[in-house]
PDB file of N, CA and C in Angstrom:
ATOM      1  N   MET A   1      -3.710  -3.377 -44.146  1.00  0.00           N
ATOM      2  CA  MET A   1      -4.954  -3.919 -43.628  1.00  0.00           C
ATOM      3  C   MET A   1      -5.449  -3.007 -42.492  1.00  0.00           C
ATOM      4  N   ARG A   2      -6.637  -2.597 -42.592  1.00  0.00           N
ATOM      5  CA  ARG A   2      -7.221  -1.718 -41.535  1.00  0.00           C
ATOM      6  C   ARG A   2      -7.874  -2.530 -40.466  1.00  0.00           C
ATOM      7  N   GLN A   3      -7.496  -2.147 -39.199  1.00  0.00           N
ATOM      8  CA  GLN A   3      -8.069  -2.838 -38.084  1.00  0.00           C
ATOM      9  C   GLN A   3      -9.393  -2.236 -37.749  1.00  0.00           C
ATOM     10  N   GLN A   4     -10.285  -3.170 -37.284  1.00  0.00           N
ATOM     11  CA  GLN A   4     -11.643  -2.723 -36.962  1.00  0.00           C
ATOM     12  C   GLN A   4     -11.655  -2.253 -35.519  1.00  0.00           C
ATOM     13  N   ALA A   5     -12.391  -1.140 -35.299  1.00  0.00           N
ATOM     14  CA  ALA A   5     -12.512  -0.600 -34.017  1.00  0.00           C
ATOM     15  C   ALA A   5     -13.272  -1.487 -33.063  1.00  0.00           C
ATOM     16  N   ILE A   6     -12.831  -1.597 -31.866  1.00  0.00           N
ATOM     17  CA  ILE A   6     -13.514  -2.380 -30.838  1.00  0.00           C
ATOM     18  C   ILE A   6     -14.310  -1.465 -29.956  1.00  0.00           C
ATOM     19  N   SER A   7     -15.593  -1.724 -29.809  1.00  0.00           N
ATOM     20  CA  SER A   7     -16.437  -0.890 -29.016  1.00  0.00           C
ATOM     21  C   SER A   7     -16.367  -1.347 -27.555  1.00  0.00           C
ATOM     22  N   ARG A   8     -15.985  -0.444 -26.652  1.00  0.00           N
ATOM     23  CA  ARG A   8     -15.899  -0.752 -25.216  1.00  0.00           C
ATOM     24  C   ARG A   8     -16.632   0.307 -24.506  1.00  0.00           C
ATOM     25  N   PRO A   9     -17.235  -0.062 -23.323  1.00  0.00           N
ATOM     26  CA  PRO A   9     -17.910   0.987 -22.512  1.00  0.00           C
ATOM     27  C   PRO A   9     -16.885   1.967 -21.998  1.00  0.00           C
ATOM     28  N   ILE A  10     -17.367   3.184 -21.748  1.00  0.00           N
ATOM     29  CA  ILE A  10     -16.479   4.228 -21.254  1.00  0.00           C
ATOM     30  C   ILE A  10     -16.308   3.946 -19.760  1.00  0.00           C
ATOM     31  N   PRO A  11     -15.085   3.911 -19.276  1.00  0.00           N
ATOM     32  CA  PRO A  11     -14.801   3.620 -17.879  1.00  0.00           C
ATOM     33  C   PRO A  11     -15.553   4.550 -16.873  1.00  0.00           C
ATOM     34  N   ALA A  12     -15.839   4.042 -15.686  1.00  0.00           N
ATOM     35  CA  ALA A  12     -16.597   4.811 -14.694  1.00  0.00           C
ATOM     36  C   ALA A  12     -15.811   6.002 -14.151  1.00  0.00           C
ATOM     37  N   PHE A  13     -14.457   5.976 -14.237  1.00  0.00           N
ATOM     38  CA  PHE A  13     -13.694   7.034 -13.631  1.00  0.00           C
ATOM     39  C   PHE A  13     -13.668   8.302 -14.549  1.00  0.00           C
ATOM     40  N   VAL A  14     -14.201   8.185 -15.766  1.00  0.00           N
ATOM     41  CA  VAL A  14     -14.264   9.317 -16.718  1.00  0.00           C
ATOM     42  C   VAL A  14     -15.381  10.227 -16.210  1.00  0.00           C
ATOM     43  N   PRO A  15     -15.152  11.571 -16.027  1.00  0.00           N
ATOM     44  CA  PRO A  15     -16.185  12.434 -15.472  1.00  0.00           C
ATOM     45  C   PRO A  15     -17.465  12.418 -16.369  1.00  0.00           C
ATOM     46  N   SER A  16     -18.563  12.638 -15.712  1.00  0.00           N
ATOM     47  CA  SER A  16     -19.893  12.537 -16.405  1.00  0.00           C
ATOM     48  C   SER A  16     -19.962  13.500 -17.612  1.00  0.00           C
ATOM     49  N   GLY A  17     -19.398  14.677 -17.516  1.00  0.00           N
ATOM     50  CA  GLY A  17     -19.463  15.611 -18.633  1.00  0.00           C
ATOM     51  C   GLY A  17     -18.698  15.023 -19.879  1.00  0.00           C
ATOM     52  N   ALA A  18     -17.521  14.432 -19.651  1.00  0.00           N
ATOM     53  CA  ALA A  18     -16.721  13.815 -20.729  1.00  0.00           C
ATOM     54  C   ALA A  18     -17.420  12.615 -21.254  1.00  0.00           C
ATOM     55  N   ARG A  19     -18.109  11.872 -20.369  1.00  0.00           N
ATOM     56  CA  ARG A  19     -18.834  10.639 -20.743  1.00  0.00           C
ATOM     57  C   ARG A  19     -19.903  11.040 -21.751  1.00  0.00           C
ATOM     58  N   ALA A  20     -20.643  12.187 -21.487  1.00  0.00           N
ATOM     59  CA  ALA A  20     -21.723  12.601 -22.344  1.00  0.00           C
ATOM     60  C   ALA A  20     -21.198  12.989 -23.711  1.00  0.00           C
ATOM     61  N   LEU A  21     -19.998  13.665 -23.729  1.00  0.00           N
ATOM     62  CA  LEU A  21     -19.391  14.090 -25.013  1.00  0.00           C
ATOM     63  C   LEU A  21     -18.925  12.874 -25.838  1.00  0.00           C
ATOM     64  N   LEU A  22     -18.465  11.801 -25.091  1.00  0.00           N
ATOM     65  CA  LEU A  22     -17.935  10.663 -25.832  1.00  0.00           C
ATOM     66  C   LEU A  22     -18.972   9.621 -26.168  1.00  0.00           C
ATOM     67  N   ALA A  23     -20.161   9.718 -25.653  1.00  0.00           N
ATOM     68  CA  ALA A  23     -21.197   8.696 -25.902  1.00  0.00           C
ATOM     69  C   ALA A  23     -21.477   8.510 -27.362  1.00  0.00           C
ATOM     70  N   GLY A  24     -21.365   7.265 -27.850  1.00  0.00           N
ATOM     71  CA  GLY A  24     -21.611   6.924 -29.209  1.00  0.00           C
ATOM     72  C   GLY A  24     -20.510   7.223 -30.199  1.00  0.00           C
ATOM     73  N   LYS A  25     -19.368   7.691 -29.761  1.00  0.00           N
ATOM     74  CA  LYS A  25     -18.271   8.022 -30.594  1.00  0.00           C
ATOM     75  C   LYS A  25     -17.260   6.901 -30.550  1.00  0.00           C
ATOM     76  N   SER A  26     -16.556   6.754 -31.678  1.00  0.00           N
ATOM     77  CA  SER A  26     -15.442   5.789 -31.801  1.00  0.00           C
ATOM     78  C   SER A  26     -14.156   6.506 -31.302  1.00  0.00           C
ATOM     79  N   ILE A  27     -13.415   5.951 -30.439  1.00  0.00           N
ATOM     80  CA  ILE A  27     -12.200   6.554 -29.935  1.00  0.00           C
ATOM     81  C   ILE A  27     -11.013   5.664 -30.290  1.00  0.00           C
ATOM     82  N   SER A  28      -9.948   6.226 -30.794  1.00  0.00           N
ATOM     83  CA  SER A  28      -8.780   5.437 -31.144  1.00  0.00           C
ATOM     84  C   SER A  28      -7.589   6.008 -30.390  1.00  0.00           C
ATOM     85  N   LEU A  29      -6.878   5.144 -29.749  1.00  0.00           N
ATOM     86  CA  LEU A  29      -5.635   5.623 -29.064  1.00  0.00           C
ATOM     87  C   LEU A  29      -4.498   5.969 -30.080  1.00  0.00           C
ATOM     88  N   ARG A  30      -4.643   5.489 -31.234  1.00  0.00           N
ATOM     89  CA  ARG A  30      -3.603   5.780 -32.281  1.00  0.00           C
ATOM     90  C   ARG A  30      -3.587   7.300 -32.629  1.00  0.00           C
ATOM     91  N   ARG A  31      -4.639   7.984 -32.398  1.00  0.00           N
ATOM     92  CA  ARG A  31      -4.668   9.402 -32.690  1.00  0.00           C
ATOM     93  C   ARG A  31      -4.077  10.277 -31.558  1.00  0.00           C
ATOM     94  N   LEU A  32      -3.832   9.700 -30.406  1.00  0.00           N
ATOM     95  CA  LEU A  32      -3.232  10.420 -29.373  1.00  0.00           C
ATOM     96  C   LEU A  32      -1.778  10.746 -29.719  1.00  0.00           C
ATOM     97  N   PRO A  33      -1.269  11.848 -29.300  1.00  0.00           N
ATOM     98  CA  PRO A  33       0.135  12.167 -29.580  1.00  0.00           C
ATOM     99  C   PRO A  33       1.090  11.110 -28.987  1.00  0.00           C
ATOM    100  N   GLU A  34       2.239  10.948 -29.631  1.00  0.00           N
ATOM    101  CA  GLU A  34       3.157   9.957 -29.137  1.00  0.00           C
ATOM    102  C   GLU A  34       3.630  10.137 -27.748  1.00  0.00           C
ATOM    103  N   GLN A  35       3.782  11.396 -27.317  1.00  0.00           N
ATOM    104  CA  GLN A  35       4.199  11.634 -25.968  1.00  0.00           C
ATOM    105  C   GLN A  35       3.236  11.092 -24.939  1.00  0.00           C
ATOM    106  N   ILE A  36       1.928  11.217 -25.202  1.00  0.00           N
ATOM    107  CA  ILE A  36       0.935  10.711 -24.322  1.00  0.00           C
ATOM    108  C   ILE A  36       0.897   9.155 -24.349  1.00  0.00           C
ATOM    109  N   ARG A  37       0.978   8.581 -25.563  1.00  0.00           N
ATOM    110  CA  ARG A  37       0.982   7.102 -25.654  1.00  0.00           C
ATOM    111  C   ARG A  37       2.136   6.527 -24.958  1.00  0.00           C
ATOM    112  N   ARG A  38       3.315   7.168 -25.018  1.00  0.00           N
ATOM    113  CA  ARG A  38       4.520   6.670 -24.374  1.00  0.00           C
ATOM    114  C   ARG A  38       4.310   6.593 -22.839  1.00  0.00           C
ATOM    115  N   ARG A  39       3.651   7.633 -22.289  1.00  0.00           N
ATOM    116  CA  ARG A  39       3.378   7.604 -20.806  1.00  0.00           C
ATOM    117  C   ARG A  39       2.335   6.581 -20.421  1.00  0.00           C
ATOM    118  N   MET A  40       1.511   6.143 -21.304  1.00  0.00           N
ATOM    119  CA  MET A  40       0.440   5.174 -21.015  1.00  0.00           C
ATOM    120  C   MET A  40       0.929   3.754 -21.027  1.00  0.00           C
ATOM    121  N   ARG A  41       2.142   3.517 -21.568  1.00  0.00           N
ATOM    122  CA  ARG A  41       2.673   2.194 -21.666  1.00  0.00           C
ATOM    123  C   ARG A  41       3.018   1.610 -20.318  1.00  0.00           C
ATOM    124  N   THR A  42       2.937   0.270 -20.231  1.00  0.00           N
ATOM    125  CA  THR A  42       3.299  -0.393 -18.985  1.00  0.00           C
ATOM    126  C   THR A  42       4.843  -0.187 -18.786  1.00  0.00           C
ATOM    127  N   PRO A  43       5.180   0.217 -17.582  1.00  0.00           N
ATOM    128  CA  PRO A  43       6.625   0.537 -17.320  1.00  0.00           C
ATOM    129  C   PRO A  43       7.465  -0.789 -17.426  1.00  0.00           C
ATOM    130  N   GLU A  44       8.707  -0.644 -17.821  1.00  0.00           N
ATOM    131  CA  GLU A  44       9.563  -1.843 -17.872  1.00  0.00           C
ATOM    132  C   GLU A  44       9.861  -2.331 -16.509  1.00  0.00           C
ATOM    133  N   LYS A  45      10.063  -3.591 -16.357  1.00  0.00           N
ATOM    134  CA  LYS A  45      10.376  -4.138 -15.033  1.00  0.00           C
ATOM    135  C   LYS A  45      11.859  -4.292 -14.898  1.00  0.00           C
ATOM    136  N   ILE A  46      12.451  -3.323 -14.217  1.00  0.00           N
ATOM    137  CA  ILE A  46      13.931  -3.380 -14.002  1.00  0.00           C
ATOM    138  C   ILE A  46      14.153  -3.046 -12.530  1.00  0.00           C
ATOM    139  N   ARG A  47      15.328  -3.379 -12.046  1.00  0.00           N
ATOM    140  CA  ARG A  47      15.692  -3.093 -10.645  1.00  0.00           C
ATOM    141  C   ARG A  47      15.868  -1.570 -10.476  1.00  0.00           C
ATOM    142  N   VAL A  48      15.713  -1.183  -9.251  1.00  0.00           N
ATOM    143  CA  VAL A  48      15.870   0.233  -8.880  1.00  0.00           C
ATOM    144  C   VAL A  48      17.241   0.754  -9.252  1.00  0.00           C
ATOM    145  N   SER A  49      18.302  -0.034  -9.012  1.00  0.00           N
ATOM    146  CA  SER A  49      19.655   0.383  -9.272  1.00  0.00           C
ATOM    147  C   SER A  49      19.847   0.540 -10.770  1.00  0.00           C
ATOM    148  N   GLU A  50      19.219  -0.366 -11.586  1.00  0.00           N
ATOM    149  CA  GLU A  50      19.329  -0.310 -12.987  1.00  0.00           C
ATOM    150  C   GLU A  50      18.538   0.969 -13.544  1.00  0.00           C
ATOM    151  N   HIS A  51      17.465   1.226 -12.956  1.00  0.00           N
ATOM    152  CA  HIS A  51      16.686   2.464 -13.362  1.00  0.00           C
ATOM    153  C   HIS A  51      17.499   3.700 -13.040  1.00  0.00           C
ATOM    154  N   ALA A  52      18.161   3.735 -11.886  1.00  0.00           N
ATOM    155  CA  ALA A  52      18.962   4.889 -11.510  1.00  0.00           C
ATOM    156  C   ALA A  52      20.135   5.077 -12.447  1.00  0.00           C
ATOM    157  N   ALA A  53      20.784   3.969 -12.817  1.00  0.00           N
ATOM    158  CA  ALA A  53      21.917   4.071 -13.741  1.00  0.00           C
ATOM    159  C   ALA A  53      21.501   4.577 -15.130  1.00  0.00           C
ATOM    160  N   ARG A  54      20.312   4.217 -15.519  1.00  0.00           N
ATOM    161  CA  ARG A  54      19.853   4.590 -16.895  1.00  0.00           C
ATOM    162  C   ARG A  54      19.257   5.990 -16.959  1.00  0.00           C
ATOM    163  N   TYR A  55      18.433   6.347 -15.896  1.00  0.00           N
ATOM    164  CA  TYR A  55      17.645   7.490 -16.038  1.00  0.00           C
ATOM    165  C   TYR A  55      17.865   8.619 -15.021  1.00  0.00           C
ATOM    166  N   ARG A  56      18.425   8.331 -13.897  1.00  0.00           N
ATOM    167  CA  ARG A  56      18.564   9.361 -12.792  1.00  0.00           C
ATOM    168  C   ARG A  56      19.645  10.331 -13.105  1.00  0.00           C
ATOM    169  N   VAL A  57      19.402  11.614 -12.863  1.00  0.00           N
ATOM    170  CA  VAL A  57      20.357  12.690 -12.992  1.00  0.00           C
ATOM    171  C   VAL A  57      20.380  13.413 -11.660  1.00  0.00           C
ATOM    172  N   VAL A  58      21.507  13.468 -11.019  1.00  0.00           N
ATOM    173  CA  VAL A  58      21.706  14.189  -9.742  1.00  0.00           C
ATOM    174  C   VAL A  58      21.827  15.680 -10.126  1.00  0.00           C
ATOM    175  N   THR A  59      20.971  16.552  -9.517  1.00  0.00           N
ATOM    176  CA  THR A  59      20.903  17.912  -9.977  1.00  0.00           C
ATOM    177  C   THR A  59      21.841  18.787  -9.156  1.00  0.00           C
ATOM    178  N   ASP A  60      22.222  18.451  -7.914  1.00  0.00           N
ATOM    179  CA  ASP A  60      23.083  19.279  -7.149  1.00  0.00           C
ATOM    180  C   ASP A  60      24.013  18.430  -6.306  1.00  0.00           C
ATOM    181  N   GLY A  61      25.043  19.072  -5.788  1.00  0.00           N
ATOM    182  CA  GLY A  61      26.082  18.394  -5.000  1.00  0.00           C
ATOM    183  C   GLY A  61      27.377  18.271  -5.713  1.00  0.00           C
ATOM    184  N   PRO A  62      28.289  17.654  -5.110  1.00  0.00           N
ATOM    185  CA  PRO A  62      29.643  17.598  -5.711  1.00  0.00           C
ATOM    186  C   PRO A  62      29.742  16.675  -6.927  1.00  0.00           C
ATOM    187  N   HIS A  63      28.751  15.769  -7.083  1.00  0.00           N
ATOM    188  CA  HIS A  63      28.771  14.798  -8.232  1.00  0.00           C
ATOM    189  C   HIS A  63      27.492  14.997  -9.090  1.00  0.00           C
ATOM    190  N   ALA A  64      27.185  16.215  -9.462  1.00  0.00           N
ATOM    191  CA  ALA A  64      25.997  16.509 -10.252  1.00  0.00           C
ATOM    192  C   ALA A  64      26.197  15.823 -11.598  1.00  0.00           C
ATOM    193  N   GLY A  65      25.090  15.297 -12.199  1.00  0.00           N
ATOM    194  CA  GLY A  65      25.168  14.663 -13.454  1.00  0.00           C
ATOM    195  C   GLY A  65      24.494  13.262 -13.430  1.00  0.00           C
ATOM    196  N   PRO A  66      24.734  12.450 -14.375  1.00  0.00           N
ATOM    197  CA  PRO A  66      24.109  11.128 -14.306  1.00  0.00           C
ATOM    198  C   PRO A  66      24.534  10.327 -13.072  1.00  0.00           C
ATOM    199  N   TRP A  67      23.590   9.531 -12.551  1.00  0.00           N
ATOM    200  CA  TRP A  67      23.914   8.732 -11.381  1.00  0.00           C
ATOM    201  C   TRP A  67      24.972   7.671 -11.773  1.00  0.00           C
ATOM    202  N   ARG A  68      25.946   7.559 -10.905  1.00  0.00           N
ATOM    203  CA  ARG A  68      27.070   6.630 -11.162  1.00  0.00           C
ATOM    204  C   ARG A  68      27.233   5.657  -9.979  1.00  0.00           C
ATOM    205  N   HIS A  69      27.095   4.409 -10.181  1.00  0.00           N
ATOM    206  CA  HIS A  69      27.300   3.429  -9.124  1.00  0.00           C
ATOM    207  C   HIS A  69      28.707   3.394  -8.561  1.00  0.00           C
ATOM    208  N   ASP A  70      29.705   3.697  -9.405  1.00  0.00           N
ATOM    209  CA  ASP A  70      31.071   3.650  -8.948  1.00  0.00           C
ATOM    210  C   ASP A  70      31.418   4.685  -7.867  1.00  0.00           C
ATOM    211  N   LEU A  71      30.533   5.714  -7.706  1.00  0.00           N
ATOM    212  CA  LEU A  71      30.810   6.694  -6.624  1.00  0.00           C
ATOM    213  C   LEU A  71      30.217   6.176  -5.278  1.00  0.00           C
ATOM    214  N   ALA A  72      29.247   5.296  -5.327  1.00  0.00           N
ATOM    215  CA  ALA A  72      28.665   4.744  -4.117  1.00  0.00           C
ATOM    216  C   ALA A  72      28.227   3.301  -4.359  1.00  0.00           C
ATOM    217  N   PRO A  73      29.170   2.430  -4.529  1.00  0.00           N
ATOM    218  CA  PRO A  73      28.836   0.997  -4.900  1.00  0.00           C
ATOM    219  C   PRO A  73      28.016   0.332  -3.766  1.00  0.00           C
ATOM    220  N   HIS A  74      28.114   0.758  -2.534  1.00  0.00           N
ATOM    221  CA  HIS A  74      27.391   0.132  -1.477  1.00  0.00           C
ATOM    222  C   HIS A  74      25.907   0.390  -1.551  1.00  0.00           C
ATOM    223  N   THR A  75      25.423   1.339  -2.374  1.00  0.00           N
ATOM    224  CA  THR A  75      24.039   1.655  -2.490  1.00  0.00           C
ATOM    225  C   THR A  75      23.229   0.741  -3.369  1.00  0.00           C
ATOM    226  N   VAL A  76      23.952   0.013  -4.226  1.00  0.00           N
ATOM    227  CA  VAL A  76      23.255  -0.860  -5.208  1.00  0.00           C
ATOM    228  C   VAL A  76      22.422  -1.922  -4.541  1.00  0.00           C
ATOM    229  N   LYS A  77      22.945  -2.593  -3.543  1.00  0.00           N
ATOM    230  CA  LYS A  77      22.221  -3.627  -2.826  1.00  0.00           C
ATOM    231  C   LYS A  77      21.070  -3.036  -2.083  1.00  0.00           C
ATOM    232  N   ILE A  78      21.194  -1.855  -1.501  1.00  0.00           N
ATOM    233  CA  ILE A  78      20.126  -1.221  -0.763  1.00  0.00           C
ATOM    234  C   ILE A  78      18.966  -0.861  -1.735  1.00  0.00           C
ATOM    235  N   MET A  79      19.235  -0.324  -2.904  1.00  0.00           N
ATOM    236  CA  MET A  79      18.245   0.052  -3.829  1.00  0.00           C
ATOM    237  C   MET A  79      17.477  -1.185  -4.354  1.00  0.00           C
ATOM    238  N   ASP A  80      18.212  -2.247  -4.634  1.00  0.00           N
ATOM    239  CA  ASP A  80      17.603  -3.460  -5.108  1.00  0.00           C
ATOM    240  C   ASP A  80      16.762  -4.162  -3.997  1.00  0.00           C
ATOM    241  N   THR A  81      17.156  -4.100  -2.785  1.00  0.00           N
ATOM    242  CA  THR A  81      16.396  -4.638  -1.667  1.00  0.00           C
ATOM    243  C   THR A  81      15.114  -3.919  -1.472  1.00  0.00           C
ATOM    244  N   TYR A  82      15.124  -2.603  -1.693  1.00  0.00           N
ATOM    245  CA  TYR A  82      13.946  -1.776  -1.526  1.00  0.00           C
ATOM    246  C   TYR A  82      12.710  -2.267  -2.349  1.00  0.00           C
ATOM    247  N   SER A  83      12.977  -2.724  -3.526  1.00  0.00           N
ATOM    248  CA  SER A  83      11.871  -3.094  -4.426  1.00  0.00           C
ATOM    249  C   SER A  83      11.450  -4.581  -4.341  1.00  0.00           C
ATOM    250  N   LEU A  84      12.036  -5.310  -3.429  1.00  0.00           N
ATOM    251  CA  LEU A  84      11.613  -6.714  -3.234  1.00  0.00           C
ATOM    252  C   LEU A  84      10.209  -6.758  -2.708  1.00  0.00           C
ATOM    253  N   PRO A  85       9.365  -7.632  -3.245  1.00  0.00           N
ATOM    254  CA  PRO A  85       7.957  -7.611  -2.850  1.00  0.00           C
ATOM    255  C   PRO A  85       7.682  -7.943  -1.355  1.00  0.00           C
ATOM    256  N   TYR A  86       8.608  -8.696  -0.732  1.00  0.00           N
ATOM    257  CA  TYR A  86       8.387  -9.071   0.653  1.00  0.00           C
ATOM    258  C   TYR A  86       9.036  -8.135   1.701  1.00  0.00           C
ATOM    259  N   VAL A  87       9.683  -7.069   1.216  1.00  0.00           N
ATOM    260  CA  VAL A  87      10.344  -6.119   2.108  1.00  0.00           C
ATOM    261  C   VAL A  87       9.273  -5.062   2.460  1.00  0.00           C
ATOM    262  N   ARG A  88       9.025  -4.853   3.739  1.00  0.00           N
ATOM    263  CA  ARG A  88       8.080  -3.913   4.269  1.00  0.00           C
ATOM    264  C   ARG A  88       8.754  -2.695   4.926  1.00  0.00           C
ATOM    265  N   ALA A  89       9.949  -2.860   5.397  1.00  0.00           N
ATOM    266  CA  ALA A  89      10.738  -1.734   5.993  1.00  0.00           C
ATOM    267  C   ALA A  89      12.139  -1.895   5.682  1.00  0.00           C
ATOM    268  N   LEU A  90      12.820  -0.769   5.447  1.00  0.00           N
ATOM    269  CA  LEU A  90      14.218  -0.841   5.138  1.00  0.00           C
ATOM    270  C   LEU A  90      14.931   0.264   5.942  1.00  0.00           C
ATOM    271  N   TRP A  91      15.901  -0.130   6.761  1.00  0.00           N
ATOM    272  CA  TRP A  91      16.668   0.776   7.587  1.00  0.00           C
ATOM    273  C   TRP A  91      17.966   0.968   6.942  1.00  0.00           C
ATOM    274  N   PHE A  92      18.322   2.206   6.659  1.00  0.00           N
ATOM    275  CA  PHE A  92      19.602   2.528   5.997  1.00  0.00           C
ATOM    276  C   PHE A  92      20.365   3.514   6.831  1.00  0.00           C
ATOM    277  N   CYS A  93      21.339   3.036   7.540  1.00  0.00           N
ATOM    278  CA  CYS A  93      22.188   3.885   8.387  1.00  0.00           C
ATOM    279  C   CYS A  93      23.594   3.977   7.721  1.00  0.00           C
ATOM    280  N   GLY A  94      24.141   5.173   7.736  1.00  0.00           N
ATOM    281  CA  GLY A  94      25.443   5.381   7.175  1.00  0.00           C
ATOM    282  C   GLY A  94      26.099   6.622   7.683  1.00  0.00           C
ATOM    283  N   VAL A  95      27.326   6.784   7.393  1.00  0.00           N
ATOM    284  CA  VAL A  95      28.078   7.979   7.815  1.00  0.00           C
ATOM    285  C   VAL A  95      27.659   9.166   6.934  1.00  0.00           C
ATOM    286  N   ASP A  96      28.106  10.315   7.341  1.00  0.00           N
ATOM    287  CA  ASP A  96      27.819  11.572   6.582  1.00  0.00           C
ATOM    288  C   ASP A  96      28.363  11.442   5.150  1.00  0.00           C
ATOM    289  N   GLN A  97      27.639  12.051   4.236  1.00  0.00           N
ATOM    290  CA  GLN A  97      28.046  12.068   2.827  1.00  0.00           C
ATOM    291  C   GLN A  97      28.235  10.691   2.215  1.00  0.00           C
ATOM    292  N   SER A  98      27.388   9.684   2.536  1.00  0.00           N
ATOM    293  CA  SER A  98      27.578   8.378   2.007  1.00  0.00           C
ATOM    294  C   SER A  98      26.540   8.018   0.946  1.00  0.00           C
ATOM    295  N   GLY A  99      25.722   9.031   0.496  1.00  0.00           N
ATOM    296  CA  GLY A  99      24.748   8.761  -0.526  1.00  0.00           C
ATOM    297  C   GLY A  99      23.410   8.356  -0.066  1.00  0.00           C
ATOM    298  N   LYS A 100      23.130   8.552   1.201  1.00  0.00           N
ATOM    299  CA  LYS A 100      21.800   8.078   1.700  1.00  0.00           C
ATOM    300  C   LYS A 100      20.672   8.838   1.094  1.00  0.00           C
ATOM    301  N   THR A 101      20.661  10.153   0.984  1.00  0.00           N
ATOM    302  CA  THR A 101      19.552  10.883   0.400  1.00  0.00           C
ATOM    303  C   THR A 101      19.339  10.530  -1.056  1.00  0.00           C
ATOM    304  N   ASN A 102      20.370  10.522  -1.847  1.00  0.00           N
ATOM    305  CA  ASN A 102      20.211  10.207  -3.249  1.00  0.00           C
ATOM    306  C   ASN A 102      19.788   8.751  -3.450  1.00  0.00           C
ATOM    307  N   THR A 103      20.225   7.865  -2.591  1.00  0.00           N
ATOM    308  CA  THR A 103      19.769   6.475  -2.738  1.00  0.00           C
ATOM    309  C   THR A 103      18.276   6.325  -2.507  1.00  0.00           C
ATOM    310  N   MET A 104      17.800   6.998  -1.437  1.00  0.00           N
ATOM    311  CA  MET A 104      16.319   7.003  -1.180  1.00  0.00           C
ATOM    312  C   MET A 104      15.576   7.744  -2.269  1.00  0.00           C
ATOM    313  N   LEU A 105      16.139   8.789  -2.839  1.00  0.00           N
ATOM    314  CA  LEU A 105      15.479   9.459  -3.975  1.00  0.00           C
ATOM    315  C   LEU A 105      15.407   8.525  -5.165  1.00  0.00           C
ATOM    316  N   ASN A 106      16.447   7.749  -5.394  1.00  0.00           N
ATOM    317  CA  ASN A 106      16.374   6.739  -6.469  1.00  0.00           C
ATOM    318  C   ASN A 106      15.242   5.748  -6.266  1.00  0.00           C
ATOM    319  N   CYS A 107      15.095   5.344  -4.995  1.00  0.00           N
ATOM    320  CA  CYS A 107      13.992   4.363  -4.640  1.00  0.00           C
ATOM    321  C   CYS A 107      12.601   4.975  -4.875  1.00  0.00           C
ATOM    322  N   LEU A 108      12.487   6.221  -4.687  1.00  0.00           N
ATOM    323  CA  LEU A 108      11.154   6.896  -4.846  1.00  0.00           C
ATOM    324  C   LEU A 108      10.819   7.295  -6.286  1.00  0.00           C
ATOM    325  N   HIS A 109      11.766   7.282  -7.184  1.00  0.00           N
ATOM    326  CA  HIS A 109      11.536   7.686  -8.554  1.00  0.00           C
ATOM    327  C   HIS A 109      10.757   6.667  -9.251  1.00  0.00           C
TER     328      HIS A 109
END
């Protein structure tokens, strides 16, 4: 069954030159390459620590490779606290080589 195209106005953020080229044309997101469509999807709602465990790769240091919670288990609570909607500031103090930098990088990814 073929779906009918829905006509929508071109958003205001599209540059005027592109708006002129697109005027009166039917646009389908199905024709976009899969790589672009994947990036346009709504991100999954997971905790920062879960995202780090699934996707983060440490590129340098003594533990290069996939992020592992077992090397710094104290950082899990810090990462999950960072993404709480009511948290406005987070102070993270620790001893040398305790995973502070990589924990904050996980929060920013």
